[in-house]
Amino acid sequence: MDAFTITDRHLKDVWAVQVHGEVDAFSATQLREHVRAARAERVHRSAAPSAAPSDGTEESADRSADRSVDEGAGGFVLDLTGVPFMDSAGLGACLGLLKRARAEGDQVAIAASASVVLRLLDLTHVPQVYPVHASLEEAVASMEG
């Protein structure tokens, strides 16, 4: 069994959470806690006072746009391409993360490639609710248009 790891990547305005290893009852808890802590850190950073007040200039507009991305106006991809197996507890954790990201204003998508994971997603009709892509790159590209 491969080690369970979670990696955050920031691609343009998209926050990608890359998961490697089996997502089961034990690792699902780790995944939820990781994303909860990372989201709290993003909110904390965006709530920090700006070094300069908003003065209507292009620079202050850029700072405002940066804050809006941190607050949920970007994208969130759950990258499961490194996941060879996922059980119902893992599926529930993933769907909860996607639901919360969407509720906070993010575009959301899933990247998955393992046949076992894709079958679970299909059987539970996930692609009817959240877009599923074969790679992280495809998921990110879908948010650019």
Protein backbone atom coordinates (compact mmCIF):
# COMPACT_ATOMS: atom_id res chain seq x y z
CA MET A 1 0.00 0.00 0.00
CA ASP A 2 1.30 3.45 -0.95
CA ALA A 3 1.61 6.14 1.70
CA PHE A 4 -1.31 8.53 1.89
CA THR A 5 -0.26 12.09 1.01
CA ILE A 6 -1.99 15.37 0.32
CA THR A 7 -0.37 18.21 -1.59
CA ASP A 8 -1.72 21.71 -2.24
CA ARG A 9 -1.00 23.36 -5.58
CA HIS A 10 -1.98 26.80 -6.74
CA LEU A 11 -2.43 27.04 -10.49
CA LYS A 12 -3.54 30.48 -11.65
CA ASP A 13 -6.72 31.16 -9.64
CA VAL A 14 -7.26 27.48 -8.85
CA TRP A 15 -6.45 25.71 -5.61
CA ALA A 16 -5.81 22.05 -6.31
CA VAL A 17 -5.66 19.44 -3.58
CA GLN A 18 -3.75 16.44 -4.90
CA VAL A 19 -4.42 13.19 -3.10
CA HIS A 20 -2.20 10.11 -3.38
CA GLY A 21 -3.04 6.75 -1.86
CA GLU A 22 -6.23 5.02 -0.81
CA VAL A 23 -9.05 7.21 0.47
CA ASP A 24 -10.87 5.25 3.15
CA ALA A 25 -12.42 5.93 6.55
CA PHE A 26 -9.05 6.69 8.14
CA SER A 27 -7.53 8.81 5.39
CA ALA A 28 -10.83 10.60 4.71
CA THR A 29 -10.51 12.20 8.14
CA GLN A 30 -6.98 13.33 7.29
CA LEU A 31 -8.20 14.78 3.99
CA ARG A 32 -11.04 16.72 5.62
CA GLU A 33 -8.74 18.09 8.32
CA HIS A 34 -6.07 19.08 5.81
CA VAL A 35 -8.51 21.01 3.62
CA ARG A 36 -10.22 22.58 6.65
CA ALA A 37 -6.86 23.83 7.99
CA ALA A 38 -5.69 25.05 4.58
CA ARG A 39 -8.98 26.88 3.97
CA ALA A 40 -8.80 28.48 7.43
CA GLU A 41 -5.25 29.65 6.65
CA ARG A 42 -6.40 31.13 3.34
CA VAL A 43 -9.24 32.98 5.07
CA HIS A 44 -6.87 34.19 7.81
CA ARG A 45 -4.42 35.53 5.18
CA SER A 46 -7.20 37.27 3.28
CA ALA A 47 -8.55 38.84 6.47
CA ALA A 48 -5.15 40.30 7.37
CA PRO A 49 -5.05 44.06 6.89
CA SER A 50 -3.56 45.16 3.60
CA ALA A 51 -0.21 46.93 3.74
CA ALA A 52 -1.76 49.86 1.90
CA PRO A 53 -5.32 51.14 1.94
CA SER A 54 -7.51 50.78 -1.11
CA ASP A 55 -7.09 53.99 -3.07
CA GLY A 56 -8.85 53.10 -6.32
CA THR A 57 -5.62 52.52 -8.22
CA GLU A 58 -4.87 49.50 -10.37
CA GLU A 59 -2.56 48.16 -7.63
CA SER A 60 -5.32 48.28 -5.02
CA ALA A 61 -7.71 46.60 -7.47
CA ASP A 62 -5.14 43.81 -7.89
CA ARG A 63 -4.95 43.38 -4.11
CA SER A 64 -8.73 43.23 -3.95
CA ALA A 65 -8.81 40.58 -6.69
CA ASP A 66 -6.18 38.56 -4.82
CA ARG A 67 -8.30 38.67 -1.68
CA SER A 68 -11.43 37.61 -3.57
CA VAL A 69 -9.61 34.50 -4.86
CA ASP A 70 -8.57 33.60 -1.31
CA GLU A 71 -12.13 34.13 -0.14
CA GLY A 72 -13.59 31.73 -2.69
CA ALA A 73 -13.97 33.43 -6.06
CA GLY A 74 -11.56 31.10 -7.82
CA GLY A 75 -11.55 27.39 -8.43
CA PHE A 76 -11.12 24.26 -6.37
CA VAL A 77 -10.00 20.97 -7.89
CA LEU A 78 -9.91 17.75 -5.97
CA ASP A 79 -7.22 15.79 -7.80
CA LEU A 80 -7.78 12.08 -7.27
CA THR A 81 -5.56 10.90 -10.14
CA GLY A 82 -3.18 9.41 -7.57
CA VAL A 83 -5.95 7.49 -5.81
CA PRO A 84 -6.14 3.77 -6.69
CA PHE A 85 -9.07 3.03 -4.34
CA MET A 86 -11.80 4.95 -2.55
CA ASP A 87 -14.54 3.64 -0.28
CA SER A 88 -17.85 5.22 0.70
CA ALA A 89 -16.29 7.15 3.60
CA GLY A 90 -13.74 8.61 1.20
CA LEU A 91 -16.46 9.49 -1.29
CA GLY A 92 -18.47 11.22 1.43
CA ALA A 93 -15.45 13.27 2.51
CA CYS A 94 -14.68 14.31 -1.07
CA LEU A 95 -18.28 15.32 -1.78
CA GLY A 96 -18.40 17.33 1.44
CA LEU A 97 -15.26 19.25 0.44
CA LEU A 98 -16.64 19.98 -3.02
CA LYS A 99 -20.01 21.06 -1.62
CA ARG A 100 -18.37 23.48 0.79
CA ALA A 101 -16.08 24.95 -1.88
CA ARG A 102 -19.04 25.50 -4.20
CA ALA A 103 -21.06 27.09 -1.38
CA GLU A 104 -18.17 29.50 -0.79
CA GLY A 105 -18.27 30.63 -4.41
CA ASP A 106 -15.58 28.46 -5.98
CA GLN A 107 -15.92 26.69 -9.29
CA VAL A 108 -15.28 23.03 -8.51
CA ALA A 109 -14.08 19.98 -10.39
CA ILE A 110 -12.68 16.52 -9.83
CA ALA A 111 -9.73 14.93 -11.60
CA ALA A 112 -9.71 11.13 -11.52
CA SER A 113 -8.22 8.39 -13.66
CA ALA A 114 -8.33 5.06 -11.79
CA SER A 115 -11.12 2.83 -13.11
CA VAL A 116 -12.21 1.86 -9.57
CA VAL A 117 -12.58 5.52 -8.57
CA LEU A 118 -14.31 6.48 -11.82
CA ARG A 119 -16.75 3.58 -11.41
CA LEU A 120 -17.62 4.71 -7.86
CA LEU A 121 -18.17 8.26 -9.10
CA ASP A 122 -20.37 7.03 -11.97
CA LEU A 123 -22.42 4.66 -9.81
CA THR A 124 -23.20 7.50 -7.42
CA HIS A 125 -23.98 9.96 -10.25
CA VAL A 126 -21.28 12.40 -9.15
CA PRO A 127 -20.53 13.54 -12.75
CA GLN A 128 -24.11 14.86 -12.93
CA VAL A 129 -23.33 17.22 -10.05
CA TYR A 130 -19.59 17.96 -10.36
CA PRO A 131 -17.47 17.93 -13.51
CA VAL A 132 -15.02 15.02 -13.65
CA HIS A 133 -11.87 15.26 -15.77
CA ALA A 134 -9.12 12.78 -16.62
CA SER A 135 -6.32 15.05 -15.36
CA LEU A 136 -5.61 18.04 -13.16
CA GLU A 137 -4.60 20.03 -16.24
CA GLU A 138 -7.98 19.36 -17.91
CA ALA A 139 -9.85 20.32 -14.75
CA VAL A 140 -7.94 23.60 -14.43
CA ALA A 141 -8.39 24.36 -18.15
CA SER A 142 -12.16 23.86 -17.79
CA MET A 143 -12.25 26.76 -15.34
CA GLU A 144 -10.42 29.19 -17.58
CA GLY A 145 -13.16 29.62 -20.17
